[in-house]
């Protein structure tokens, strides 16, 4: 075994008397890429938040470069050489790219901010990631994938000895993932230690030297990645054999319940037309920048349309805001979970009833009715929470996603738009969401599924709309729903170029 950079002895963490991490002993070597996997709520993010100074352990000790340390806060962690790329973005929307990257560590010259040097360094960092982003661009104007690259640039801007990556690839394309992996290998050669958390087991096997499995806050195993395949990893994560991940597809009726005609947003979307049948899962596939999220946002009134018509059961409807969408029984599960999906400073009850509050109030809010309804969703989705009053900032990513689902479901929609619903969640939580979607269509609800995971699109959808650069290049059915056909349309080699 090589030189140990960081070691934990008996690390445990409790929230409100609930033990979420129990007696973790690990030693991670200098220049090692160390994988951590486990179901949502297994304790992965809690452990790395302790290592990066966000949380204080309830029990246990941390040793860094052979000396016991008490990591007081993220700034202290950065000072001793620990940086983290968080699962949820920690960027300030109103600031520019370069201001976010150097926030708290600004470069100065003769007592004044050296903006020229910070911009130059930002361009250099992004070039290392093969990304061309204007350093003066405001974060709020960036795509989700661009924000992720800024987070990565922010973390590698410092000479870190330990770099923690929490689900860094969930919004990246295959090409961007390979660029990131090349960077990780380069950092490893320089002696940088990397802790890599991911639900993508294939990636873990490809890039990590060793992998630790956590389950219910306890360490199950630590193995060389060459000694365990993906099936064995998944089995250790859930503690049992996994059954079929995708449920059998439900056949929709022939009735078109939702129709979009010639929807256009100048410069983004061009003449988008499609119909959605009752009880159907209609997939939307395409590469990053295809316009799928923009289309969903136009449907629910977040984005203003320049032209086009939306009809529900043959009748034209005007949807100018998300509130109009809710009134027309349309639900939207955003890909940006914390940006527009939930309020992490609110508790479980308040998040669940956020968009359906009128149903719980006449003059005063019926708190008992709110609690009872929330408890039903906790049971339905197996949401792990210390109590109904726990704030969502203390939830795992998968449990936050389940709360988003509950919130969207509470107004009892007829049409449900899912935008990357399984981003950053484990294989078992994915199965639960697929089962839930299957239940919805069995009850006659119609679903739109936007996903970058082709396996998900192929396994779940009755038909697939493929988009490229704001246009539909094909609508696939039956045997044509396969990886090759989808990619040919997504790249414009087939269909409307």
Protein backbone atom coordinates (compact mmCIF):
# COMPACT_ATOMS: atom_id res chain seq x y z
CA UNK A 1 0.00 0.00 0.00
CA UNK A 2 1.26 3.49 -0.89
CA UNK A 3 1.35 6.62 1.25
CA UNK A 4 -2.07 7.31 2.85
CA UNK A 5 -3.21 10.89 2.24
CA UNK A 6 -6.48 10.86 4.19
CA UNK A 7 -7.79 8.41 6.79
CA UNK A 8 -10.94 8.20 8.86
CA UNK A 9 -11.33 6.25 12.10
CA UNK A 10 -14.81 5.58 13.50
CA UNK A 11 -16.47 8.48 11.64
CA UNK A 12 -20.21 8.65 12.44
CA UNK A 13 -22.91 11.28 11.90
CA UNK A 14 -26.36 11.75 13.40
CA UNK A 15 -29.17 14.14 12.44
CA UNK A 16 -31.97 14.60 14.99
CA UNK A 17 -30.97 11.34 16.67
CA UNK A 18 -30.97 9.38 13.37
CA UNK A 19 -27.58 7.82 12.56
CA UNK A 20 -26.90 8.31 8.85
CA UNK A 21 -23.22 7.32 8.96
CA UNK A 22 -21.91 4.60 11.23
CA UNK A 23 -18.29 3.92 12.19
CA UNK A 24 -16.52 4.46 8.84
CA UNK A 25 -12.84 3.46 8.70
CA UNK A 26 -11.07 4.18 5.39
CA UNK A 27 -7.57 5.01 4.21
CA UNK A 28 -7.12 6.61 0.78
CA UNK A 29 -3.69 6.77 -0.86
CA UNK A 30 -1.97 9.76 -2.45
CA UNK A 31 -2.55 9.70 -6.22
CA UNK A 32 -5.48 7.24 -5.99
CA UNK A 33 -8.89 7.57 -7.62
CA UNK A 34 -11.20 6.15 -4.95
CA UNK A 35 -14.83 5.40 -5.84
CA UNK A 36 -17.74 5.55 -3.40
CA UNK A 37 -21.07 3.99 -4.41
CA UNK A 38 -24.37 3.26 -2.66
CA UNK A 39 -28.09 3.86 -2.89
CA UNK A 40 -29.49 7.32 -2.23
CA UNK A 41 -29.44 7.85 1.52
CA UNK A 42 -26.55 5.39 1.97
CA UNK A 43 -24.35 8.15 3.44
CA UNK A 44 -22.05 9.01 0.50
CA UNK A 45 -22.69 12.76 0.40
CA UNK A 46 -22.69 12.96 4.22
CA UNK A 47 -19.23 11.38 4.33
CA UNK A 48 -17.70 13.75 1.76
CA UNK A 49 -19.38 16.75 3.41
CA UNK A 50 -17.56 15.76 6.61
CA UNK A 51 -14.26 15.44 4.71
CA UNK A 52 -14.77 18.87 3.11
CA UNK A 53 -15.77 20.69 6.32
CA UNK A 54 -19.47 21.19 5.53
CA UNK A 55 -20.55 18.85 8.36
CA UNK A 56 -18.87 18.10 11.69
CA UNK A 57 -18.79 14.38 12.59
CA UNK A 58 -20.75 13.24 15.64
CA UNK A 59 -17.95 10.78 16.44
CA UNK A 60 -14.59 9.74 15.02
CA UNK A 61 -11.29 11.20 13.83
CA UNK A 62 -9.82 12.39 10.52
CA UNK A 63 -6.12 12.19 9.67
CA UNK A 64 -4.68 14.19 6.76
CA UNK A 65 -1.06 13.64 5.69
CA UNK A 66 -0.55 11.62 8.86
CA UNK A 67 -1.79 14.28 11.29
CA UNK A 68 -5.14 14.41 13.06
CA UNK A 69 -7.19 17.34 11.77
CA UNK A 70 -10.47 18.99 12.69
CA UNK A 71 -11.84 20.36 9.42
CA UNK A 72 -13.77 23.38 10.66
CA UNK A 73 -15.40 24.59 7.44
CA UNK A 74 -15.00 24.48 3.60
CA UNK A 75 -12.54 27.39 3.67
CA UNK A 76 -10.34 25.53 6.15
CA UNK A 77 -10.62 22.41 3.96
CA UNK A 78 -9.46 24.43 0.93
CA UNK A 79 -6.53 25.87 2.94
CA UNK A 80 -5.21 22.40 3.78
CA UNK A 81 -5.73 21.17 0.21
CA UNK A 82 -9.24 19.67 -0.02
CA UNK A 83 -11.63 20.85 -2.78
CA UNK A 84 -15.11 19.55 -3.63
CA UNK A 85 -17.25 19.56 -6.77
CA UNK A 86 -20.71 19.31 -5.15
CA UNK A 87 -23.61 17.28 -6.51
CA UNK A 88 -25.83 20.38 -6.58
CA UNK A 89 -24.35 23.57 -7.99
CA UNK A 90 -22.82 26.01 -5.51
CA UNK A 91 -22.66 28.96 -7.88
CA UNK A 92 -23.99 32.52 -7.57
CA UNK A 93 -26.25 33.22 -10.56
CA UNK A 94 -25.79 37.00 -10.50
CA UNK A 95 -21.98 36.77 -10.71
CA UNK A 96 -19.88 36.05 -13.81
CA UNK A 97 -18.01 32.83 -14.55
CA UNK A 98 -14.62 34.20 -13.45
CA UNK A 99 -16.08 35.83 -10.32
CA UNK A 100 -17.54 32.45 -9.25
CA UNK A 101 -14.29 30.57 -9.91
CA UNK A 102 -12.21 32.94 -7.78
CA UNK A 103 -14.83 33.81 -5.18
CA UNK A 104 -13.08 33.96 -1.79
CA UNK A 105 -9.66 33.55 -3.41
CA UNK A 106 -9.54 36.63 -5.62
CA UNK A 107 -6.26 37.51 -7.35
CA UNK A 108 -5.05 40.99 -6.39
CA UNK A 109 -2.30 43.33 -7.50
CA UNK A 110 -1.12 46.21 -5.33
CA UNK A 111 -4.28 45.92 -3.23
CA UNK A 112 -6.68 45.96 -6.19
CA UNK A 113 -8.57 43.11 -7.87
CA UNK A 114 -6.63 41.80 -10.86
CA UNK A 115 -9.65 41.03 -13.06
CA UNK A 116 -7.49 40.67 -16.16
CA UNK A 117 -5.48 37.83 -14.59
CA UNK A 118 -8.61 36.11 -13.21
CA UNK A 119 -10.21 36.18 -16.67
CA UNK A 120 -7.00 34.84 -18.25
CA UNK A 121 -6.80 32.01 -15.69
CA UNK A 122 -10.49 31.22 -16.22
CA UNK A 123 -9.99 30.88 -19.99
CA UNK A 124 -6.97 28.62 -19.36
CA UNK A 125 -8.91 26.39 -16.92
CA UNK A 126 -11.84 26.04 -19.31
CA UNK A 127 -9.47 25.27 -22.20
CA UNK A 128 -8.13 22.38 -20.10
CA UNK A 129 -11.72 21.14 -20.04
CA UNK A 130 -11.99 21.87 -23.80
CA UNK A 131 -14.80 24.35 -23.12
CA UNK A 132 -15.19 27.80 -24.63
CA UNK A 133 -17.26 29.85 -22.18
CA UNK A 134 -17.03 33.65 -21.92
CA UNK A 135 -15.44 34.35 -18.49
CA UNK A 136 -17.67 37.45 -18.19
CA UNK A 137 -20.91 35.56 -18.86
CA UNK A 138 -23.36 35.49 -15.94
CA UNK A 139 -23.96 32.03 -14.44
CA UNK A 140 -27.75 32.43 -14.81
CA UNK A 141 -27.32 32.46 -18.60
CA UNK A 142 -25.43 29.14 -18.76
CA UNK A 143 -26.86 25.70 -19.50
CA UNK A 144 -26.80 23.01 -16.80
CA UNK A 145 -23.83 21.28 -18.52
CA UNK A 146 -21.89 24.57 -18.71
CA UNK A 147 -22.53 25.21 -14.99
CA UNK A 148 -21.10 21.76 -14.23
CA UNK A 149 -17.93 22.60 -16.17
CA UNK A 150 -17.60 25.87 -14.21
CA UNK A 151 -17.88 23.89 -10.95
CA UNK A 152 -15.09 21.58 -12.16
CA UNK A 153 -12.92 24.56 -13.21
CA UNK A 154 -13.56 26.17 -9.82
CA UNK A 155 -12.33 23.05 -8.01
CA UNK A 156 -9.16 22.55 -10.09
CA UNK A 157 -8.24 26.26 -9.89
CA UNK A 158 -6.44 25.53 -6.63
CA UNK A 159 -3.50 23.21 -6.02
CA UNK A 160 -5.65 20.63 -4.25
CA UNK A 161 -4.14 17.52 -2.72
CA UNK A 162 -7.60 15.90 -2.43
CA UNK A 163 -10.34 16.56 -4.98
CA UNK A 164 -13.83 15.26 -4.17
CA UNK A 165 -16.21 14.78 -7.11
CA UNK A 166 -19.86 14.17 -6.20
CA UNK A 167 -21.79 12.98 -9.29
CA UNK A 168 -19.79 15.17 -11.71
CA UNK A 169 -20.95 13.54 -14.97
CA UNK A 170 -24.75 13.47 -14.61
CA UNK A 171 -25.30 16.37 -17.04
CA UNK A 172 -22.28 15.84 -19.30
CA UNK A 173 -22.18 14.30 -22.79
CA UNK A 174 -20.06 11.21 -23.50
CA UNK A 175 -17.40 13.43 -25.08
CA UNK A 176 -17.35 15.76 -22.05
CA UNK A 177 -17.07 12.74 -19.73
CA UNK A 178 -14.01 11.49 -21.64
CA UNK A 179 -12.43 14.97 -21.36
CA UNK A 180 -13.07 14.91 -17.60
CA UNK A 181 -11.59 11.40 -17.29
CA UNK A 182 -8.46 12.50 -19.17
CA UNK A 183 -8.15 15.42 -16.73
CA UNK A 184 -8.58 13.05 -13.76
CA UNK A 185 -5.82 10.78 -15.07
CA UNK A 186 -3.56 13.81 -15.52
CA UNK A 187 -4.28 14.97 -11.94
CA UNK A 188 -3.58 11.46 -10.66
CA UNK A 189 -0.17 11.48 -12.39
CA UNK A 190 0.59 14.74 -10.54
CA UNK A 191 -0.13 12.97 -7.23
CA UNK A 192 -3.62 14.42 -6.66
CA UNK A 193 -6.01 12.08 -4.81
CA UNK A 194 -9.58 11.95 -6.13
CA UNK A 195 -12.71 10.69 -4.37
CA UNK A 196 -15.26 9.91 -7.06
CA UNK A 197 -18.96 9.41 -6.23
CA UNK A 198 -21.24 8.20 -9.00
CA UNK A 199 -24.31 6.08 -9.66
CA UNK A 200 -22.90 5.18 -13.08
CA UNK A 201 -21.22 1.90 -12.18
CA UNK A 202 -19.65 1.49 -15.63
CA UNK A 203 -17.83 4.81 -15.10
CA UNK A 204 -16.71 3.79 -11.61
CA UNK A 205 -15.13 0.60 -12.97
CA UNK A 206 -13.49 2.53 -15.81
CA UNK A 207 -11.86 5.38 -13.85
CA UNK A 208 -11.45 4.24 -10.20
CA UNK A 209 -8.64 2.19 -8.65
CA UNK A 210 -10.74 0.99 -5.70
CA UNK A 211 -14.41 1.24 -4.82
CA UNK A 212 -16.15 1.40 -1.43
CA UNK A 213 -19.79 0.34 -1.09
CA UNK A 214 -21.97 2.06 1.53
CA UNK A 215 -25.41 0.80 2.58
CA UNK A 216 -27.63 2.44 5.22
CA UNK A 217 -24.67 4.44 6.53
CA UNK A 218 -22.39 1.43 6.94
CA UNK A 219 -19.35 0.34 4.95
CA UNK A 220 -20.13 -2.95 3.19
CA UNK A 221 -16.88 -3.50 1.27
CA UNK A 222 -13.76 -1.95 -0.27
CA UNK A 223 -12.47 -3.69 -3.42
CA UNK A 224 -10.16 -3.22 -6.36
CA UNK A 225 -12.45 -2.24 -9.25
CA UNK A 226 -10.95 -4.98 -11.41
CA UNK A 227 -12.24 -7.57 -8.93
CA UNK A 228 -15.96 -6.65 -9.03
CA UNK A 229 -18.26 -6.26 -12.03
CA UNK A 230 -21.21 -3.85 -12.23
CA UNK A 231 -23.74 -6.54 -11.28
CA UNK A 232 -21.82 -7.38 -8.10
CA UNK A 233 -21.52 -3.67 -7.22
CA UNK A 234 -25.29 -3.21 -7.60
CA UNK A 235 -25.98 -6.32 -5.52
CA UNK A 236 -23.78 -5.05 -2.67
CA UNK A 237 -25.46 -1.62 -2.85
CA UNK A 238 -29.01 -2.93 -2.41
CA UNK A 239 -28.22 -6.09 -0.41
CA UNK A 240 -30.21 -8.34 -2.73
CA UNK A 241 -30.53 -9.50 -6.33
CA UNK A 242 -31.95 -6.84 -8.68
CA UNK A 243 -34.98 -7.80 -10.73
CA UNK A 244 -35.75 -6.37 -14.17
CA UNK A 245 -35.12 -2.62 -14.12
CA UNK A 246 -37.78 -1.57 -16.65
CA UNK A 247 -41.44 -2.59 -16.18
CA UNK A 248 -43.43 -3.95 -19.11
CA UNK A 249 -44.65 -1.18 -21.40
CA UNK A 250 -48.33 -0.22 -21.20
CA UNK A 251 -50.21 0.15 -24.50
CA UNK A 252 -51.75 3.63 -24.80
CA UNK A 253 -55.16 4.39 -26.30
CA UNK A 254 -55.47 5.98 -29.76
CA UNK A 255 -56.95 9.18 -28.34
CA UNK A 256 -54.67 12.21 -28.65
CA UNK A 257 -55.10 14.19 -25.41
CA UNK A 258 -52.37 16.78 -25.87
CA UNK A 259 -51.17 18.41 -29.07
CA UNK A 260 -48.48 20.93 -29.96
CA UNK A 261 -48.60 22.57 -33.40
CA UNK A 262 -45.81 24.60 -35.01
CA UNK A 263 -44.36 25.82 -31.72
CA UNK A 264 -41.54 28.27 -32.42
CA UNK A 265 -39.15 30.31 -30.30
CA UNK A 266 -36.92 32.33 -32.60
CA UNK A 267 -33.34 31.07 -32.44
CA UNK A 268 -34.24 28.08 -30.21
CA UNK A 269 -37.16 26.02 -31.54
CA UNK A 270 -38.57 25.76 -35.04
CA UNK A 271 -42.05 24.46 -35.95
CA UNK A 272 -42.32 21.76 -33.29
CA UNK A 273 -45.42 19.61 -33.76
CA UNK A 274 -46.41 16.37 -32.01
CA UNK A 275 -49.34 14.64 -30.33
CA UNK A 276 -49.47 12.76 -27.02
CA UNK A 277 -51.90 9.86 -26.55
CA UNK A 278 -53.80 8.94 -23.40
CA UNK A 279 -51.72 6.59 -21.24
CA UNK A 280 -48.61 7.00 -23.41
CA UNK A 281 -44.97 7.59 -22.47
CA UNK A 282 -43.59 9.75 -25.28
CA UNK A 283 -39.82 10.05 -25.20
CA UNK A 284 -37.75 13.04 -26.29
CA UNK A 285 -34.16 12.20 -27.25
CA UNK A 286 -31.32 14.30 -28.64
CA UNK A 287 -27.85 15.59 -27.94
CA UNK A 288 -27.07 18.49 -25.58
CA UNK A 289 -28.43 21.67 -27.19
CA UNK A 290 -31.20 19.87 -29.08
CA UNK A 291 -33.83 22.06 -27.38
CA UNK A 292 -35.76 19.46 -25.38
CA UNK A 293 -35.75 21.33 -22.04
CA UNK A 294 -36.50 24.61 -23.84
CA UNK A 295 -39.53 22.91 -25.43
CA UNK A 296 -40.79 21.70 -22.03
CA UNK A 297 -40.33 25.20 -20.59
CA UNK A 298 -42.26 26.69 -23.53
CA UNK A 299 -45.12 24.22 -22.97
CA UNK A 300 -45.50 25.12 -19.29
CA UNK A 301 -45.11 28.87 -19.78
CA UNK A 302 -41.60 29.48 -18.45
CA UNK A 303 -40.47 30.54 -21.92
CA UNK A 304 -42.48 32.82 -24.19
CA UNK A 305 -43.45 31.31 -27.56
CA UNK A 306 -43.18 33.39 -30.73
CA UNK A 307 -45.83 31.24 -32.43
CA UNK A 308 -47.60 27.91 -32.17
CA UNK A 309 -50.67 26.37 -30.60
CA UNK A 310 -51.24 23.99 -27.68
CA UNK A 311 -54.44 21.93 -27.42
CA UNK A 312 -55.77 19.66 -24.69
CA UNK A 313 -58.40 17.13 -25.81
CA UNK A 314 -58.93 19.10 -29.00
CA UNK A 315 -59.44 22.49 -27.33
CA UNK A 316 -56.80 25.26 -27.68
CA UNK A 317 -55.42 26.46 -24.32
CA UNK A 318 -53.39 29.52 -23.34
CA UNK A 319 -50.46 28.69 -21.07
CA UNK A 320 -48.45 31.80 -20.20
CA UNK A 321 -47.10 30.72 -16.81
CA UNK A 322 -46.42 27.56 -14.75
CA UNK A 323 -49.57 28.42 -12.78
CA UNK A 324 -51.58 28.18 -16.03
CA UNK A 325 -49.98 24.78 -16.66
CA UNK A 326 -51.06 23.51 -13.21
CA UNK A 327 -54.62 24.80 -13.84
CA UNK A 328 -54.63 22.83 -17.10
CA UNK A 329 -53.53 19.68 -15.24
CA UNK A 330 -49.94 19.68 -16.60
CA UNK A 331 -47.11 18.76 -14.22
CA UNK A 332 -43.42 19.40 -14.88
CA UNK A 333 -40.49 17.75 -13.10
CA UNK A 334 -37.51 20.00 -13.82
CA UNK A 335 -34.02 18.68 -14.62
CA UNK A 336 -32.62 21.39 -12.33
CA UNK A 337 -33.85 19.87 -9.07
CA UNK A 338 -32.67 22.61 -6.73
CA UNK A 339 -32.96 25.49 -9.20
CA UNK A 340 -36.68 25.18 -9.90
CA UNK A 341 -37.82 21.87 -8.42
CA UNK A 342 -37.70 22.25 -4.63
CA UNK A 343 -36.88 24.74 -1.88
CA UNK A 344 -34.15 23.21 0.26
CA UNK A 345 -34.72 25.65 3.14
CA UNK A 346 -38.35 24.45 3.39
CA UNK A 347 -39.41 21.27 5.16
CA UNK A 348 -40.90 18.15 3.58
CA UNK A 349 -44.53 19.20 4.11
CA UNK A 350 -44.10 22.71 2.69
CA UNK A 351 -42.34 21.36 -0.41
CA UNK A 352 -44.94 18.67 -1.05
CA UNK A 353 -47.88 21.12 -1.01
CA UNK A 354 -46.00 24.02 -2.63
CA UNK A 355 -47.99 24.21 -5.88
CA UNK A 356 -51.29 22.83 -4.59
CA UNK A 357 -51.66 25.01 -1.47
CA UNK A 358 -55.17 26.28 -2.41
CA UNK A 359 -56.44 22.71 -1.96
CA UNK A 360 -55.37 22.86 1.69
CA UNK A 361 -56.79 26.24 2.62
CA UNK A 362 -59.99 28.23 2.73
CA UNK A 363 -59.08 31.03 5.11
CA UNK A 364 -56.41 29.16 7.10
CA UNK A 365 -54.15 26.31 5.97
CA UNK A 366 -55.38 22.89 7.08
CA UNK A 367 -52.09 21.64 8.59
CA UNK A 368 -53.56 18.26 9.52
CA UNK A 369 -54.63 17.60 5.92
CA UNK A 370 -51.14 18.67 4.71
CA UNK A 371 -49.44 16.27 7.13
CA UNK A 372 -51.71 13.35 6.21
CA UNK A 373 -51.19 13.85 2.47
CA UNK A 374 -47.41 14.21 2.87
CA UNK A 375 -47.29 11.02 4.95
CA UNK A 376 -49.01 9.17 2.08
CA UNK A 377 -46.30 10.33 -0.33
CA UNK A 378 -43.55 9.36 2.13
CA UNK A 379 -45.01 5.83 2.17
CA UNK A 380 -45.72 5.74 -1.60
CA UNK A 381 -42.21 6.82 -2.65
CA UNK A 382 -40.31 5.38 0.31
CA UNK A 383 -38.94 8.84 1.19
CA UNK A 384 -36.34 8.60 3.96
CA UNK A 385 -36.72 11.46 6.43
CA UNK A 386 -36.13 11.91 10.15
CA UNK A 387 -39.52 13.69 10.30
CA UNK A 388 -42.03 15.51 8.10
CA UNK A 389 -40.54 18.75 9.42
CA UNK A 390 -36.99 17.97 8.20
CA UNK A 391 -35.66 20.60 5.78
CA UNK A 392 -34.77 19.29 2.33
CA UNK A 393 -31.16 20.45 2.58
CA UNK A 394 -30.60 17.39 4.80
CA UNK A 395 -32.06 14.95 2.21
CA UNK A 396 -30.04 12.85 -0.22
CA UNK A 397 -30.32 13.64 -3.93
CA UNK A 398 -32.64 10.68 -4.58
CA UNK A 399 -34.96 11.61 -1.72
CA UNK A 400 -35.05 15.23 -2.93
CA UNK A 401 -36.08 13.91 -6.35
CA UNK A 402 -38.88 11.85 -4.76
CA UNK A 403 -40.15 14.98 -2.98
CA UNK A 404 -40.14 16.80 -6.34
CA UNK A 405 -42.26 13.96 -7.72
CA UNK A 406 -44.70 14.19 -4.81
CA UNK A 407 -44.99 17.97 -5.26
CA UNK A 408 -45.69 17.60 -9.00
CA UNK A 409 -48.19 14.79 -8.43
CA UNK A 410 -50.18 16.52 -5.67
CA UNK A 411 -52.33 18.68 -8.03
CA UNK A 412 -53.43 15.40 -9.74
CA UNK A 413 -52.18 16.09 -13.30
CA UNK A 414 -53.44 14.49 -16.51
CA UNK A 415 -50.16 15.21 -18.33
CA UNK A 416 -46.78 14.75 -16.63
CA UNK A 417 -43.53 16.04 -18.19
CA UNK A 418 -40.39 14.39 -16.76
CA UNK A 419 -37.12 16.18 -17.58
CA UNK A 420 -34.11 13.95 -16.76
CA UNK A 421 -36.00 12.35 -13.82
CA UNK A 422 -33.22 9.91 -12.87
CA UNK A 423 -30.27 12.31 -13.04
CA UNK A 424 -27.89 11.58 -10.16
CA UNK A 425 -29.89 8.80 -8.49
CA UNK A 426 -29.04 5.15 -7.89
CA UNK A 427 -30.23 2.07 -9.76
CA UNK A 428 -32.86 1.12 -7.17
CA UNK A 429 -34.31 4.65 -7.01
CA UNK A 430 -34.47 4.57 -10.81
CA UNK A 431 -36.53 1.38 -10.68
CA UNK A 432 -38.92 3.06 -8.24
CA UNK A 433 -39.39 6.05 -10.58
CA UNK A 434 -39.93 3.76 -13.60
CA UNK A 435 -42.52 1.81 -11.62
CA UNK A 436 -44.22 5.07 -10.64
CA UNK A 437 -44.37 6.22 -14.29
CA UNK A 438 -45.82 2.85 -15.22
CA UNK A 439 -48.52 3.26 -12.56
CA UNK A 440 -49.37 6.72 -13.92
CA UNK A 441 -49.93 5.54 -17.49
CA UNK A 442 -51.93 2.56 -16.20
CA UNK A 443 -54.24 5.14 -14.58
CA UNK A 444 -54.59 7.01 -17.90
CA UNK A 445 -52.09 9.81 -17.23
CA UNK A 446 -50.02 10.75 -20.30
CA UNK A 447 -46.27 11.25 -19.85
CA UNK A 448 -43.46 12.99 -21.71
CA UNK A 449 -39.99 11.67 -20.82
CA UNK A 450 -36.96 13.83 -21.68
CA UNK A 451 -33.78 11.84 -21.09
CA UNK A 452 -30.15 11.73 -22.20
CA UNK A 453 -29.93 8.05 -21.22
CA UNK A 454 -30.82 6.04 -24.34
CA UNK A 455 -31.32 2.87 -22.29
CA UNK A 456 -34.06 4.71 -20.37
CA UNK A 457 -35.71 6.07 -23.52
CA UNK A 458 -35.67 2.64 -25.20
CA UNK A 459 -36.83 0.78 -22.07
CA UNK A 460 -39.72 3.09 -21.14
CA UNK A 461 -41.19 4.82 -24.20
CA UNK A 462 -44.00 3.87 -26.60
CA UNK A 463 -42.75 6.41 -29.17
CA UNK A 464 -39.66 8.61 -29.36
CA UNK A 465 -39.38 12.15 -30.73
CA UNK A 466 -35.77 12.88 -31.74
CA UNK A 467 -34.58 16.51 -31.86
CA UNK A 468 -31.52 18.26 -33.25
CA UNK A 469 -30.77 21.98 -32.85
CA UNK A 470 -34.36 22.95 -32.08
CA UNK A 471 -36.05 20.85 -34.76
CA UNK A 472 -37.69 17.42 -34.84
CA UNK A 473 -35.71 15.02 -37.05
CA UNK A 474 -37.93 11.98 -36.55
CA UNK A 475 -40.66 10.29 -34.51
CA UNK A 476 -39.82 6.61 -33.97
CA UNK A 477 -42.05 3.66 -33.09
CA UNK A 478 -41.79 -0.09 -32.54
CA UNK A 479 -38.57 -1.74 -33.74
CA UNK A 480 -37.20 1.65 -34.83
CA UNK A 481 -36.75 2.60 -31.15
CA UNK A 482 -33.12 1.48 -30.90
CA UNK A 483 -29.81 3.15 -30.10
CA UNK A 484 -28.52 3.29 -33.67
CA UNK A 485 -31.72 4.79 -35.14
CA UNK A 486 -32.02 7.39 -32.37
CA UNK A 487 -28.38 8.50 -32.80
CA UNK A 488 -28.70 8.75 -36.59
CA UNK A 489 -31.62 11.15 -36.13
CA UNK A 490 -29.98 12.99 -33.22
CA UNK A 491 -26.89 13.75 -35.32
CA UNK A 492 -28.95 14.70 -38.39
CA UNK A 493 -27.70 11.79 -40.50
CA UNK A 494 -31.33 10.69 -40.85
CA UNK A 495 -34.53 12.70 -40.98
CA UNK A 496 -34.79 16.47 -41.40
CA UNK A 497 -31.30 17.96 -41.41
